[in-house]
C-alpha atoms as a PDB file:
ATOM      1  CA  MET A   1      -6.406  74.647  66.609  1.00  0.00           C
ATOM      2  CA  ILE A   2      -8.209  73.993  63.197  1.00  0.00           C
ATOM      3  CA  ALA A   3      -9.234  70.334  64.321  1.00  0.00           C
ATOM      4  CA  LYS A   4     -10.477  71.309  67.975  1.00  0.00           C
ATOM      5  CA  LYS A   5     -12.383  73.869  65.835  1.00  0.00           C
ATOM      6  CA  LYS A   6     -14.128  71.406  62.938  1.00  0.00           C
ATOM      7  CA  THR A   7     -14.893  69.434  66.373  1.00  0.00           C
ATOM      8  CA  LYS A   8     -16.252  72.041  68.252  1.00  0.00           C
ATOM      9  CA  GLN A   9     -18.653  72.402  65.276  1.00  0.00           C
ATOM     10  CA  LEU A  10     -20.099  69.045  66.101  1.00  0.00           C
ATOM     11  CA  GLU A  11     -20.877  69.490  69.328  1.00  0.00           C
ATOM     12  CA  PRO A  12     -24.423  70.485  68.913  1.00  0.00           C
ATOM     13  CA  TYR A  13     -24.788  67.423  67.456  1.00  0.00           C
ATOM     14  CA  LYS A  14     -23.049  65.315  69.801  1.00  0.00           C
ATOM     15  CA  LYS A  15     -25.548  67.028  72.824  1.00  0.00           C
ATOM     16  CA  LYS A  16     -28.766  66.378  71.075  1.00  0.00           C
ATOM     17  CA  ARG A  17     -28.065  62.505  70.431  1.00  0.00           C
ATOM     18  CA  ASP A  18     -27.802  59.524  72.750  1.00  0.00           C
ATOM     19  CA  PHE A  19     -25.379  57.174  70.955  1.00  0.00           C
ATOM     20  CA  THR A  20     -25.862  54.243  73.251  1.00  0.00           C
ATOM     21  CA  LYS A  21     -29.152  53.968  71.891  1.00  0.00           C
ATOM     22  CA  THR A  22     -29.214  55.994  68.103  1.00  0.00           C
ATOM     23  CA  PRO A  23     -27.966  53.805  65.230  1.00  0.00           C
ATOM     24  CA  GLU A  24     -26.898  57.424  63.762  1.00  0.00           C
ATOM     25  CA  PRO A  25     -22.373  58.149  63.276  1.00  0.00           C
ATOM     26  CA  LYS A  26     -20.550  59.095  65.979  1.00  0.00           C
ATOM     27  CA  PRO A  27     -19.249  62.906  65.795  1.00  0.00           C
ATOM     28  CA  LYS A  28     -16.187  62.006  64.033  1.00  0.00           C
ATOM     29  CA  VAL A  29     -14.448  65.003  61.341  1.00  0.00           C
ATOM     30  CA  LYS A  30     -12.931  63.630  58.287  1.00  0.00           C
ATOM     31  CA  LYS A  31     -13.055  64.870  54.499  1.00  0.00           C
ATOM     32  CA  SER A  32     -13.705  62.923  51.406  1.00  0.00           C
ATOM     33  CA  LYS A  33     -11.483  62.341  48.034  1.00  0.00           C
ATOM     34  CA  THR A  34     -12.872  65.688  46.403  1.00  0.00           C
ATOM     35  CA  GLY A  35     -13.846  67.309  49.527  1.00  0.00           C
ATOM     36  CA  HIS A  36     -16.976  68.384  48.014  1.00  0.00           C
ATOM     37  CA  ILE A  37     -19.639  65.616  48.546  1.00  0.00           C
ATOM     38  CA  PHE A  38     -23.960  66.144  48.788  1.00  0.00           C
ATOM     39  CA  VAL A  39     -26.416  64.943  50.181  1.00  0.00           C
ATOM     40  CA  VAL A  40     -30.075  64.770  50.351  1.00  0.00           C
ATOM     41  CA  GLN A  41     -31.807  62.590  52.835  1.00  0.00           C
ATOM     42  CA  LYS A  42     -35.466  61.678  52.978  1.00  0.00           C
ATOM     43  CA  HIS A  43     -36.128  61.999  56.765  1.00  0.00           C
ATOM     44  CA  ASN A  44     -39.414  60.728  57.658  1.00  0.00           C
ATOM     45  CA  ALA A  45     -40.000  62.476  61.123  1.00  0.00           C
ATOM     46  CA  SER A  46     -42.906  64.182  63.077  1.00  0.00           C
ATOM     47  CA  HIS A  47     -42.780  66.330  60.064  1.00  0.00           C
ATOM     48  CA  LEU A  48     -41.890  64.905  56.523  1.00  0.00           C
ATOM     49  CA  HIS A  49     -38.791  66.791  55.465  1.00  0.00           C
ATOM     50  CA  TYR A  50     -35.656  66.448  53.464  1.00  0.00           C
ATOM     51  CA  ASP A  51     -32.139  67.652  54.890  1.00  0.00           C
ATOM     52  CA  PHE A  52     -29.794  69.127  52.167  1.00  0.00           C
ATOM     53  CA  ARG A  53     -26.034  68.749  53.154  1.00  0.00           C
ATOM     54  CA  LEU A  54     -23.196  69.973  51.792  1.00  0.00           C
ATOM     55  CA  GLU A  55     -19.359  68.775  52.877  1.00  0.00           C
ATOM     56  CA  ILE A  56     -17.313  72.170  54.052  1.00  0.00           C
ATOM     57  CA  ASN A  57     -14.063  71.386  55.889  1.00  0.00           C
ATOM     58  CA  GLY A  58     -15.007  68.174  56.898  1.00  0.00           C
ATOM     59  CA  VAL A  59     -18.642  68.152  58.209  1.00  0.00           C
ATOM     60  CA  LEU A  60     -21.702  68.478  56.389  1.00  0.00           C
ATOM     61  CA  VAL A  61     -23.480  71.586  56.842  1.00  0.00           C
ATOM     62  CA  SER A  62     -27.187  70.971  56.808  1.00  0.00           C
ATOM     63  CA  TRP A  63     -30.843  72.157  56.265  1.00  0.00           C
ATOM     64  CA  ALA A  64     -33.804  70.586  56.586  1.00  0.00           C
ATOM     65  CA  ILE A  65     -36.073  71.416  53.165  1.00  0.00           C
ATOM     66  CA  PRO A  66     -39.800  70.776  54.569  1.00  0.00           C
ATOM     67  CA  LYS A  67     -41.091  70.390  50.988  1.00  0.00           C
ATOM     68  CA  GLY A  68     -37.865  68.754  49.200  1.00  0.00           C
ATOM     69  CA  PRO A  69     -36.321  70.188  46.154  1.00  0.00           C
ATOM     70  CA  SER A  70     -37.543  71.491  43.313  1.00  0.00           C
ATOM     71  CA  LEU A  71     -36.703  71.698  39.738  1.00  0.00           C
ATOM     72  CA  ASP A  72     -38.888  74.377  38.523  1.00  0.00           C
ATOM     73  CA  PRO A  73     -36.671  77.614  38.609  1.00  0.00           C
ATOM     74  CA  SER A  74     -39.499  79.985  39.842  1.00  0.00           C
ATOM     75  CA  VAL A  75     -39.956  78.026  43.042  1.00  0.00           C
ATOM     76  CA  LYS A  76     -38.566  78.672  46.316  1.00  0.00           C
ATOM     77  CA  ARG A  77     -38.235  76.088  48.810  1.00  0.00           C
ATOM     78  CA  LEU A  78     -38.035  76.892  52.800  1.00  0.00           C
ATOM     79  CA  ALA A  79     -34.714  75.619  54.058  1.00  0.00           C
ATOM     80  CA  ILE A  80     -33.916  75.982  57.916  1.00  0.00           C
ATOM     81  CA  GLN A  81     -30.401  75.896  58.930  1.00  0.00           C
ATOM     82  CA  THR A  82     -29.691  72.801  61.205  1.00  0.00           C
ATOM     83  CA  GLU A  83     -26.687  71.328  63.292  1.00  0.00           C
ATOM     84  CA  ASP A  84     -23.266  70.181  61.001  1.00  0.00           C
ATOM     85  CA  HIS A  85     -23.102  66.493  61.097  1.00  0.00           C
ATOM     86  CA  PRO A  86     -20.323  63.977  60.467  1.00  0.00           C
ATOM     87  CA  PHE A  87     -19.247  63.119  57.258  1.00  0.00           C
ATOM     88  CA  ASP A  88     -20.223  59.295  57.932  1.00  0.00           C
ATOM     89  CA  TYR A  89     -24.125  60.288  57.888  1.00  0.00           C
ATOM     90  CA  ALA A  90     -23.800  60.667  54.652  1.00  0.00           C
ATOM     91  CA  HIS A  91     -24.531  57.146  54.053  1.00  0.00           C
ATOM     92  CA  PHE A  92     -26.456  56.628  56.459  1.00  0.00           C
ATOM     93  CA  GLU A  93     -29.670  54.805  56.226  1.00  0.00           C
ATOM     94  CA  GLY A  94     -32.385  53.495  59.045  1.00  0.00           C
ATOM     95  CA  VAL A  95     -34.448  54.047  61.476  1.00  0.00           C
ATOM     96  CA  ILE A  96     -33.727  56.638  64.770  1.00  0.00           C
ATOM     97  CA  PRO A  97     -35.499  55.737  67.922  1.00  0.00           C
ATOM     98  CA  GLU A  98     -37.820  58.189  70.271  1.00  0.00           C
ATOM     99  CA  GLY A  99     -35.784  61.085  70.846  1.00  0.00           C
ATOM    100  CA  TYR A 100     -34.502  63.926  68.936  1.00  0.00           C
ATOM    101  CA  GLY A 101     -35.090  63.428  65.037  1.00  0.00           C
ATOM    102  CA  ALA A 102     -37.113  59.863  65.803  1.00  0.00           C
ATOM    103  CA  GLY A 103     -38.299  58.432  62.574  1.00  0.00           C
ATOM    104  CA  THR A 104     -36.605  56.533  59.182  1.00  0.00           C
ATOM    105  CA  VAL A 105     -34.067  58.552  57.531  1.00  0.00           C
ATOM    106  CA  MET A 106     -33.289  57.365  53.679  1.00  0.00           C
ATOM    107  CA  VAL A 107     -30.342  58.542  51.516  1.00  0.00           C
ATOM    108  CA  TRP A 108     -32.692  60.261  48.450  1.00  0.00           C
ATOM    109  CA  ASP A 109     -29.944  61.850  46.291  1.00  0.00           C
ATOM    110  CA  THR A 110     -26.037  61.822  46.702  1.00  0.00           C
ATOM    111  CA  GLY A 111     -23.067  62.941  44.309  1.00  0.00           C
ATOM    112  CA  THR A 112     -20.988  65.953  43.946  1.00  0.00           C
ATOM    113  CA  TYR A 113     -21.235  69.464  43.998  1.00  0.00           C
ATOM    114  CA  GLU A 114     -18.681  72.275  42.620  1.00  0.00           C
ATOM    115  CA  ASN A 115     -18.980  75.584  43.495  1.00  0.00           C
ATOM    116  CA  ILE A 116     -19.849  78.416  41.051  1.00  0.00           C
ATOM    117  CA  LYS A 117     -20.490  81.230  43.289  1.00  0.00           C
ATOM    118  CA  MET A 118     -18.685  84.591  41.622  1.00  0.00           C
ATOM    119  CA  HIS A 119     -18.127  87.823  42.358  1.00  0.00           C
ATOM    120  CA  ASN A 120     -16.090  90.534  40.507  1.00  0.00           C
ATOM    121  CA  GLY A 121     -14.605  87.770  38.307  1.00  0.00           C
ATOM    122  CA  LYS A 122     -13.911  85.575  41.093  1.00  0.00           C
ATOM    123  CA  LEU A 123     -14.729  82.662  43.080  1.00  0.00           C
ATOM    124  CA  VAL A 124     -15.877  83.067  46.690  1.00  0.00           C
ATOM    125  CA  PRO A 125     -14.546  80.557  48.472  1.00  0.00           C
ATOM    126  CA  ILE A 126     -17.463  78.109  49.840  1.00  0.00           C
ATOM    127  CA  GLU A 127     -16.721  79.031  53.603  1.00  0.00           C
ATOM    128  CA  GLU A 128     -16.856  82.592  53.019  1.00  0.00           C
ATOM    129  CA  SER A 129     -20.313  82.080  50.527  1.00  0.00           C
ATOM    130  CA  LEU A 130     -21.656  80.381  54.038  1.00  0.00           C
ATOM    131  CA  LYS A 131     -20.614  83.019  56.289  1.00  0.00           C
ATOM    132  CA  ASN A 132     -22.334  85.541  53.699  1.00  0.00           C
ATOM    133  CA  GLY A 133     -25.814  83.645  53.483  1.00  0.00           C
ATOM    134  CA  GLN A 134     -25.022  83.273  49.591  1.00  0.00           C
ATOM    135  CA  ILE A 135     -24.451  79.643  48.261  1.00  0.00           C
ATOM    136  CA  GLU A 136     -24.360  78.733  44.163  1.00  0.00           C
ATOM    137  CA  VAL A 137     -23.486  75.209  43.729  1.00  0.00           C
ATOM    138  CA  PHE A 138     -23.616  72.751  40.643  1.00  0.00           C
ATOM    139  CA  LEU A 139     -24.836  69.309  41.679  1.00  0.00           C
ATOM    140  CA  ASN A 140     -23.735  66.398  39.782  1.00  0.00           C
ATOM    141  CA  GLY A 141     -26.095  63.773  41.703  1.00  0.00           C
ATOM    142  CA  LYS A 142     -28.329  61.006  41.057  1.00  0.00           C
ATOM    143  CA  LYS A 143     -31.306  62.869  41.107  1.00  0.00           C
ATOM    144  CA  LEU A 144     -30.182  66.456  40.919  1.00  0.00           C
ATOM    145  CA  LYS A 145     -28.012  67.880  38.679  1.00  0.00           C
ATOM    146  CA  GLY A 146     -27.143  71.780  37.657  1.00  0.00           C
ATOM    147  CA  GLY A 147     -26.960  74.536  39.373  1.00  0.00           C
ATOM    148  CA  PHE A 148     -29.081  75.853  42.635  1.00  0.00           C
ATOM    149  CA  VAL A 149     -28.555  78.645  45.592  1.00  0.00           C
ATOM    150  CA  LEU A 150     -29.064  78.916  49.211  1.00  0.00           C
ATOM    151  CA  ILE A 151     -29.753  82.372  50.073  1.00  0.00           C
ATOM    152  CA  ARG A 152     -29.626  83.541  53.962  1.00  0.00           C
ATOM    153  CA  THR A 153     -33.599  85.367  54.505  1.00  0.00           C
ATOM    154  CA  ASN A 154     -34.195  88.220  57.937  1.00  0.00           C
ATOM    155  CA  PHE A 155     -37.220  86.053  58.279  1.00  0.00           C
ATOM    156  CA  GLY A 156     -37.145  84.038  61.265  1.00  0.00           C
ATOM    157  CA  GLY A 157     -33.402  84.550  61.975  1.00  0.00           C
ATOM    158  CA  LYS A 158     -30.162  83.345  60.812  1.00  0.00           C
ATOM    159  CA  GLN A 159     -31.249  79.795  60.494  1.00  0.00           C
ATOM    160  CA  THR A 160     -33.589  80.604  57.717  1.00  0.00           C
ATOM    161  CA  TRP A 161     -32.591  80.469  54.247  1.00  0.00           C
ATOM    162  CA  LEU A 162     -34.402  80.013  50.508  1.00  0.00           C
ATOM    163  CA  PHE A 163     -33.561  76.749  48.164  1.00  0.00           C
ATOM    164  CA  LYS A 164     -33.797  77.192  44.807  1.00  0.00           C
ATOM    165  CA  LYS A 165     -32.885  75.681  40.857  1.00  0.00           C
ATOM    166  CA  ILE A 166     -30.859  77.989  38.765  1.00  0.00           C
ATOM    167  CA  ASP A 167     -32.925  78.398  35.303  1.00  0.00           C
ATOM    168  CA  ASP A 168     -30.056  76.110  33.684  1.00  0.00           C
ATOM    169  CA  GLU A 169     -30.424  73.293  31.181  1.00  0.00           C
ATOM    170  CA  TYR A 170     -31.234  70.802  33.638  1.00  0.00           C
ATOM    171  CA  ALA A 171     -34.245  73.012  35.047  1.00  0.00           C
ATOM    172  CA  ASP A 172     -37.989  71.671  34.250  1.00  0.00           C
ATOM    173  CA  ALA A 173     -40.940  72.769  35.680  1.00  0.00           C
ATOM    174  CA  ARG A 174     -42.839  69.597  34.685  1.00  0.00           C
ATOM    175  CA  ARG A 175     -40.741  66.925  36.638  1.00  0.00           C
ATOM    176  CA  ASN A 176     -41.527  66.322  40.058  1.00  0.00           C
ATOM    177  CA  PRO A 177     -38.622  64.008  41.516  1.00  0.00           C
ATOM    178  CA  VAL A 178     -39.574  64.025  45.158  1.00  0.00           C
ATOM    179  CA  LYS A 179     -42.951  62.420  44.125  1.00  0.00           C
ATOM    180  CA  THR A 180     -41.783  60.407  40.938  1.00  0.00           C
ATOM    181  CA  GLN A 181     -37.945  58.980  42.388  1.00  0.00           C
ATOM    182  CA  ASP A 182     -39.132  57.965  45.723  1.00  0.00           C
ATOM    183  CA  LYS A 183     -36.351  55.221  46.202  1.00  0.00           C
ATOM    184  CA  SER A 184     -33.072  55.261  47.988  1.00  0.00           C
ATOM    185  CA  VAL A 185     -29.796  55.606  45.578  1.00  0.00           C
ATOM    186  CA  LEU A 186     -27.679  53.668  47.620  1.00  0.00           C
ATOM    187  CA  THR A 187     -30.350  50.525  48.336  1.00  0.00           C
ATOM    188  CA  ASN A 188     -33.045  51.385  45.892  1.00  0.00           C
ATOM    189  CA  ARG A 189     -35.851  51.213  49.309  1.00  0.00           C
ATOM    190  CA  THR A 190     -38.571  53.160  50.404  1.00  0.00           C
ATOM    191  CA  THR A 191     -38.501  54.795  53.763  1.00  0.00           C
ATOM    192  CA  ALA A 192     -41.290  51.829  54.427  1.00  0.00           C
ATOM    193  CA  GLN A 193     -39.049  49.228  53.442  1.00  0.00           C
ATOM    194  CA  ILE A 194     -36.302  50.481  55.090  1.00  0.00           C
ATOM    195  CA  ALA A 195     -38.310  50.874  58.697  1.00  0.00           C
ATOM    196  CA  LYS A 196     -39.783  47.552  57.921  1.00  0.00           C
ATOM    197  CA  GLU A 197     -36.372  45.399  57.694  1.00  0.00           C
ATOM    198  CA  ASP A 198     -34.927  47.731  60.606  1.00  0.00           C
ATOM    199  CA  SER A 199     -37.373  46.466  62.514  1.00  0.00           C
ATOM    200  CA  LYS A 200     -36.827  42.537  61.377  1.00  0.00           C
ATOM    201  CA  LYS A 201     -33.205  43.358  62.700  1.00  0.00           C
ATOM    202  CA  GLU A 202     -34.193  44.890  66.013  1.00  0.00           C
ATOM    203  CA  SER A 203     -36.406  42.169  66.647  1.00  0.00           C
ATOM    204  CA  LEU A 204     -34.019  39.299  65.431  1.00  0.00           C
ATOM    205  CA  MET A 205     -31.465  41.090  67.786  1.00  0.00           C
ATOM    206  CA  SER A 206     -33.688  41.174  70.786  1.00  0.00           C
ATOM    207  CA  LYS A 207     -33.909  37.352  70.110  1.00  0.00           C
ATOM    208  CA  LEU A 208     -30.329  36.425  70.571  1.00  0.00           C
ATOM    209  CA  VAL A 209     -30.065  38.592  73.217  1.00  0.00           C
ATOM    210  CA  HIS A 210     -32.455  36.798  74.977  1.00  0.00           C
ATOM    211  CA  LYS A 211     -31.430  33.508  73.481  1.00  0.00           C
ATOM    212  CA  PHE A 212     -27.526  34.128  75.349  1.00  0.00           C
ATOM    213  CA  SER A 213     -28.810  35.501  78.542  1.00  0.00           C
ATOM    214  CA  HIS A 214     -30.964  32.141  78.700  1.00  0.00           C
ATOM    215  CA  GLU A 215     -27.640  30.274  77.749  1.00  0.00           C
ATOM    216  CA  ILE A 216     -25.609  32.093  80.088  1.00  0.00           C
ATOM    217  CA  GLU A 217     -28.261  31.430  83.117  1.00  0.00           C
ATOM    218  CA  ASN A 218     -28.196  27.964  82.608  1.00  0.00           C
ATOM    219  CA  ILE A 219     -24.509  27.400  82.406  1.00  0.00           C
ATOM    220  CA  LYS A 220     -24.409  29.742  85.842  1.00  0.00           C
ATOM    221  CA  GLU A 221     -26.383  26.975  87.082  1.00  0.00           C
ATOM    222  CA  LYS A 222     -24.606  24.164  86.198  1.00  0.00           C
ATOM    223  CA  GLY A 223     -21.415  25.599  87.525  1.00  0.00           C
ATOM    224  CA  LEU A 224     -22.793  26.053  91.161  1.00  0.00           C
ATOM    225  CA  HIS A 225     -24.298  22.134  91.341  1.00  0.00           C
ATOM    226  CA  LYS A 226     -21.007  21.347  90.493  1.00  0.00           C
ATOM    227  CA  ARG A 227     -19.834  22.792  93.898  1.00  0.00           C
END
């Protein structure tokens, strides 16, 4: 029952994509060694945004943050909850072709997180925090560190949340990592470099397919002449 429920969580993800065209990971449920990773992906789609994802029960629960994360505890960022993504998406970089989510994806930050939501002196399970619409986590990433909160609002339905930095030792209103740290933590590339390299790969693949198709046709013709 649990496996079926988890697989069902990824049905919206599956329905929105054509996996014969998109290089995005297929919808498989699995966990990391810690069971608590997070990832922030810069998504240069029709509207630039940052996708914040938390690993919860084998999937990446996801929010789109139009302006990206802020280290200023006085700043609240709009975060729109989207469909859950498979765990393998945490390492995905590349260009999504025309269709749903078209654009370039870059792993802007990644690391582990710790659930720090307390109630009456007890730790609230992350699944319960998600259901209640009040998530508090401590991020240990390469760019983002310290406490952050996600709070569901009554404005615009259940998908609308607010994302903000907790006022702790890692808070810094002067820093703006979205502007100053603009490269992938996995490959040290910008979205423009990822798009350019992906285009080169597509061009090379197209040439190889054309070449092999031509050679196959020549082999077929020679075979017919021998007969």
